[in-house]
Amino acid sequence: MPDETTAEEAKPPVAVTARGITMTGPWGRVFGPLDLDIPAGGTTVLVGPPGSGRTALMMNLAGRMKPSSGTLTVLGRSKARDIFDVAALAGIEQIDAIYESVTVADLITEQIRWDAPWYQLIRRAGDAERDAICGPVFGDLPVPQLHDYVEHLDEMTGLLLRIALANTARPPLLVVGSIDEIKNSRDRAILLTRLVALGEKQTVITSSANPIPDGFGL
């Protein structure tokens, strides 16, 4: 006789649980109160109006800020610094804005040095290092050239590069500020397919001002 599965056991694992979370700033309420249940694995898009509230929420989910009230649990962790350790954050201008007058090689070299032990000597990044960092995020899309200046990259290539640099450690959670940074609807769709691909091995959370059409596997 087959084992009976209880309703509790049948529930999918949850990455994020929030109850009544709020964020309050000097000028009043930034967001909330909000309740969230975000499943572990796959890609989730939170739909809401752009602005400081949405940005603050994404930073809370990645452990870069903590709620003013309510309870937030991310991958079993409730302290912001513990959440920080298991989450990558990209696509937030205040966090990962890139100086335009640098090359792709400069950025990748700096990230590798940041990730490496302090005593390890890191040479300038080449094609192999670029492919190792950018490949999982870009997939079949062309990766930027090492000599390219950031100011010359198109919107999507620039955002994918920021995601790749933030995601070098492949933590369990990847938070991408918003897909709205990409103005072209075709490119936005391509970006979503790349985030869905990353969601096969991580929990990916992003946001949008508009509902997402069916068919992306979100």
Protein backbone atom coordinates (compact mmCIF):
# COMPACT_ATOMS: atom_id res chain seq x y z
CA MET A 1 0.00 0.00 0.00
CA PRO A 2 1.53 3.39 -1.00
CA ASP A 3 2.54 5.81 1.72
CA GLU A 4 0.10 8.59 2.31
CA THR A 5 1.50 12.09 1.85
CA THR A 6 0.20 14.70 4.22
CA ALA A 7 -0.79 18.13 2.97
CA GLU A 8 2.19 19.61 4.81
CA GLU A 9 4.63 17.23 3.13
CA ALA A 10 3.12 17.97 -0.27
CA LYS A 11 3.87 21.69 -0.04
CA PRO A 12 6.80 22.80 -2.22
CA PRO A 13 9.84 24.15 -0.35
CA VAL A 14 9.76 27.88 0.30
CA ALA A 15 12.74 30.22 -0.13
CA VAL A 16 11.17 33.40 1.26
CA THR A 17 8.50 33.86 3.88
CA ALA A 18 7.49 37.38 4.89
CA ARG A 19 4.74 38.41 7.27
CA GLY A 20 3.78 42.03 7.68
CA ILE A 21 7.16 43.40 6.65
CA THR A 22 7.45 47.17 6.35
CA MET A 23 10.22 49.66 5.64
CA THR A 24 10.04 53.15 7.07
CA GLY A 25 12.36 55.99 6.11
CA PRO A 26 12.86 59.59 7.24
CA TRP A 27 9.84 60.68 5.20
CA GLY A 28 7.51 57.87 6.19
CA ARG A 29 6.47 54.48 4.84
CA VAL A 30 8.61 53.11 2.01
CA PHE A 31 6.72 49.83 1.54
CA GLY A 32 4.44 47.46 3.34
CA PRO A 33 3.00 45.83 5.18
CA LEU A 34 3.62 42.89 2.85
CA ASP A 35 3.16 39.13 3.11
CA LEU A 36 5.19 36.95 0.73
CA ASP A 37 5.69 33.25 0.08
CA ILE A 38 8.26 32.67 -2.67
CA PRO A 39 9.04 29.07 -3.66
CA ALA A 40 12.56 27.71 -3.63
CA GLY A 41 14.06 27.15 -7.06
CA GLY A 42 12.91 28.60 -10.33
CA THR A 43 12.36 32.25 -11.16
CA THR A 44 9.80 34.53 -9.54
CA VAL A 45 8.80 37.99 -10.74
CA LEU A 46 7.27 40.35 -8.19
CA VAL A 47 4.94 42.78 -9.94
CA GLY A 48 4.64 46.28 -8.51
CA PRO A 49 5.15 49.95 -9.30
CA PRO A 50 8.75 51.13 -9.71
CA GLY A 51 10.33 53.37 -7.14
CA SER A 52 12.17 53.37 -3.84
CA GLY A 53 9.69 50.96 -2.23
CA ARG A 54 10.29 48.22 -4.76
CA THR A 55 14.05 48.78 -4.66
CA ALA A 56 14.06 48.60 -0.86
CA LEU A 57 12.05 45.38 -0.94
CA MET A 58 14.54 43.70 -3.27
CA MET A 59 17.40 44.83 -1.05
CA ASN A 60 15.60 43.36 1.97
CA LEU A 61 15.18 40.02 0.20
CA ALA A 62 18.94 39.96 -0.51
CA GLY A 63 19.96 40.87 3.04
CA ARG A 64 21.29 44.33 2.15
CA MET A 65 18.66 46.01 4.32
CA LYS A 66 16.35 44.78 7.06
CA PRO A 67 12.65 45.46 7.52
CA SER A 68 11.53 48.09 10.01
CA SER A 69 8.87 45.67 11.27
CA GLY A 70 7.43 42.26 10.55
CA THR A 71 9.25 38.97 10.05
CA LEU A 72 11.33 37.93 7.04
CA THR A 73 12.88 34.49 6.60
CA VAL A 74 15.07 33.74 3.59
CA LEU A 75 16.36 30.18 3.14
CA GLY A 76 15.88 29.58 6.85
CA ARG A 77 17.72 32.77 7.86
CA SER A 78 16.13 35.77 9.54
CA LYS A 79 19.10 38.09 10.22
CA ALA A 80 20.09 40.41 7.36
CA ARG A 81 23.78 39.51 7.60
CA ASP A 82 22.97 35.79 7.41
CA ILE A 83 20.72 36.37 4.39
CA PHE A 84 23.53 38.42 2.82
CA ASP A 85 25.79 35.37 2.93
CA VAL A 86 23.47 33.26 0.74
CA ALA A 87 22.25 35.92 -1.70
CA ALA A 88 23.66 37.75 -4.71
CA LEU A 89 22.17 41.09 -5.71
CA ALA A 90 22.41 42.71 -9.14
CA GLY A 91 20.67 45.41 -11.13
CA ILE A 92 20.37 47.91 -8.27
CA GLU A 93 21.91 51.22 -9.31
CA GLN A 94 22.88 52.12 -5.74
CA ILE A 95 24.71 48.81 -5.32
CA ASP A 96 26.34 47.74 -8.58
CA ALA A 97 26.48 50.79 -10.81
CA ILE A 98 29.53 50.45 -13.06
CA TYR A 99 31.85 53.31 -13.97
CA GLU A 100 31.55 53.75 -17.70
CA SER A 101 35.20 54.51 -18.42
CA VAL A 102 36.42 51.00 -17.59
CA THR A 103 36.74 47.93 -19.78
CA VAL A 104 35.13 44.55 -19.38
CA ALA A 105 38.56 43.08 -18.64
CA ASP A 106 39.05 45.60 -15.80
CA LEU A 107 35.74 44.65 -14.19
CA ILE A 108 36.27 40.91 -14.44
CA THR A 109 39.82 41.17 -13.10
CA GLU A 110 38.63 43.25 -10.15
CA GLN A 111 35.86 40.76 -9.35
CA ILE A 112 38.23 37.78 -9.47
CA ARG A 113 40.63 39.60 -7.14
CA TRP A 114 37.76 40.42 -4.81
CA ASP A 115 36.71 36.76 -4.67
CA ALA A 116 40.24 35.38 -4.23
CA PRO A 117 42.17 35.03 -0.95
CA TRP A 118 44.14 38.19 -0.13
CA TYR A 119 47.47 36.46 -0.61
CA GLN A 120 46.73 35.11 -4.08
CA LEU A 121 48.24 36.95 -7.02
CA ILE A 122 45.65 37.40 -9.78
CA ARG A 123 46.73 38.20 -13.31
CA ARG A 124 44.66 40.26 -15.71
CA ALA A 125 41.58 38.41 -16.89
CA GLY A 126 41.59 36.82 -20.32
CA ASP A 127 39.05 35.02 -22.47
CA ALA A 128 38.95 31.94 -20.22
CA GLU A 129 38.14 33.97 -17.11
CA ARG A 130 35.53 36.01 -18.96
CA ASP A 131 33.84 32.89 -20.29
CA ALA A 132 33.82 31.22 -16.87
CA ILE A 133 32.11 34.23 -15.28
CA CYS A 134 29.83 35.32 -18.12
CA GLY A 135 29.00 31.96 -19.70
CA PRO A 136 26.39 30.74 -17.18
CA VAL A 137 24.50 34.06 -17.37
CA PHE A 138 24.80 34.81 -21.08
CA GLY A 139 24.16 31.26 -22.30
CA ASP A 140 24.06 31.32 -26.11
CA LEU A 141 24.14 35.12 -26.22
CA PRO A 142 27.41 36.76 -27.29
CA VAL A 143 29.58 37.74 -24.34
CA PRO A 144 31.21 41.18 -24.30
CA GLN A 145 34.73 41.58 -25.58
CA LEU A 146 37.45 42.17 -23.03
CA HIS A 147 38.45 45.47 -24.61
CA ASP A 148 34.86 46.80 -24.71
CA TYR A 149 34.21 49.86 -22.60
CA VAL A 150 31.14 49.59 -20.38
CA GLU A 151 29.73 52.82 -21.83
CA HIS A 152 29.59 51.14 -25.26
CA LEU A 153 27.61 48.08 -24.12
CA ASP A 154 23.92 47.90 -24.96
CA GLU A 155 21.37 47.79 -22.12
CA MET A 156 20.95 44.05 -21.98
CA THR A 157 24.64 43.18 -22.28
CA GLY A 158 25.42 45.67 -19.52
CA LEU A 159 22.79 44.23 -17.18
CA LEU A 160 23.79 40.63 -17.91
CA LEU A 161 27.40 41.56 -17.14
CA ARG A 162 26.34 43.07 -13.80
CA ILE A 163 24.44 39.88 -13.00
CA ALA A 164 27.43 37.73 -13.95
CA LEU A 165 29.79 39.76 -11.75
CA ALA A 166 27.40 39.60 -8.79
CA ASN A 167 26.80 35.87 -9.24
CA THR A 168 30.37 34.54 -9.38
CA ALA A 169 29.93 32.57 -6.14
CA ARG A 170 26.63 31.02 -7.36
CA PRO A 171 24.82 31.44 -4.00
CA PRO A 172 21.43 29.75 -3.49
CA LEU A 173 19.56 33.04 -4.03
CA LEU A 174 19.98 35.55 -6.85
CA VAL A 175 18.02 38.81 -6.66
CA VAL A 176 17.93 40.98 -9.78
CA GLY A 177 16.49 44.42 -9.12
CA SER A 178 14.18 44.78 -12.09
CA ILE A 179 13.76 43.70 -15.67
CA ASP A 180 12.36 47.18 -16.40
CA GLU A 181 15.91 48.45 -16.97
CA ILE A 182 15.59 46.87 -20.42
CA LYS A 183 13.34 49.13 -22.48
CA ASN A 184 13.06 46.91 -25.57
CA SER A 185 10.32 44.29 -25.10
CA ARG A 186 12.15 41.68 -27.21
CA ASP A 187 15.33 42.10 -25.16
CA ARG A 188 13.29 41.93 -21.94
CA ALA A 189 11.91 38.59 -23.07
CA ILE A 190 15.44 37.33 -23.78
CA LEU A 191 16.56 38.52 -20.33
CA LEU A 192 13.70 36.61 -18.74
CA THR A 193 14.69 33.41 -20.52
CA ARG A 194 18.22 33.80 -19.14
CA LEU A 195 16.88 34.34 -15.60
CA VAL A 196 14.69 31.26 -15.98
CA ALA A 197 17.78 29.29 -17.05
CA LEU A 198 19.62 30.48 -13.93
CA GLY A 199 16.58 29.45 -11.90
CA GLU A 200 17.30 25.83 -12.76
CA LYS A 201 20.17 25.90 -10.24
CA GLN A 202 19.30 28.86 -8.01
CA THR A 203 16.26 30.63 -6.62
CA VAL A 204 15.96 33.77 -8.75
CA ILE A 205 13.78 36.74 -7.80
CA THR A 206 13.28 39.86 -9.89
CA SER A 207 10.58 42.50 -10.36
CA SER A 208 8.58 44.24 -13.04
CA ALA A 209 6.08 47.06 -13.27
CA ASN A 210 3.89 45.00 -15.59
CA PRO A 211 2.50 41.45 -15.47
CA ILE A 212 4.53 38.91 -17.39
CA PRO A 213 2.83 36.97 -20.22
CA ASP A 214 2.46 33.23 -19.84
CA GLY A 215 4.99 30.94 -21.42
CA PHE A 216 8.22 31.91 -19.67
CA GLY A 217 8.14 29.15 -17.08
CA LEU A 218 8.05 31.55 -14.15
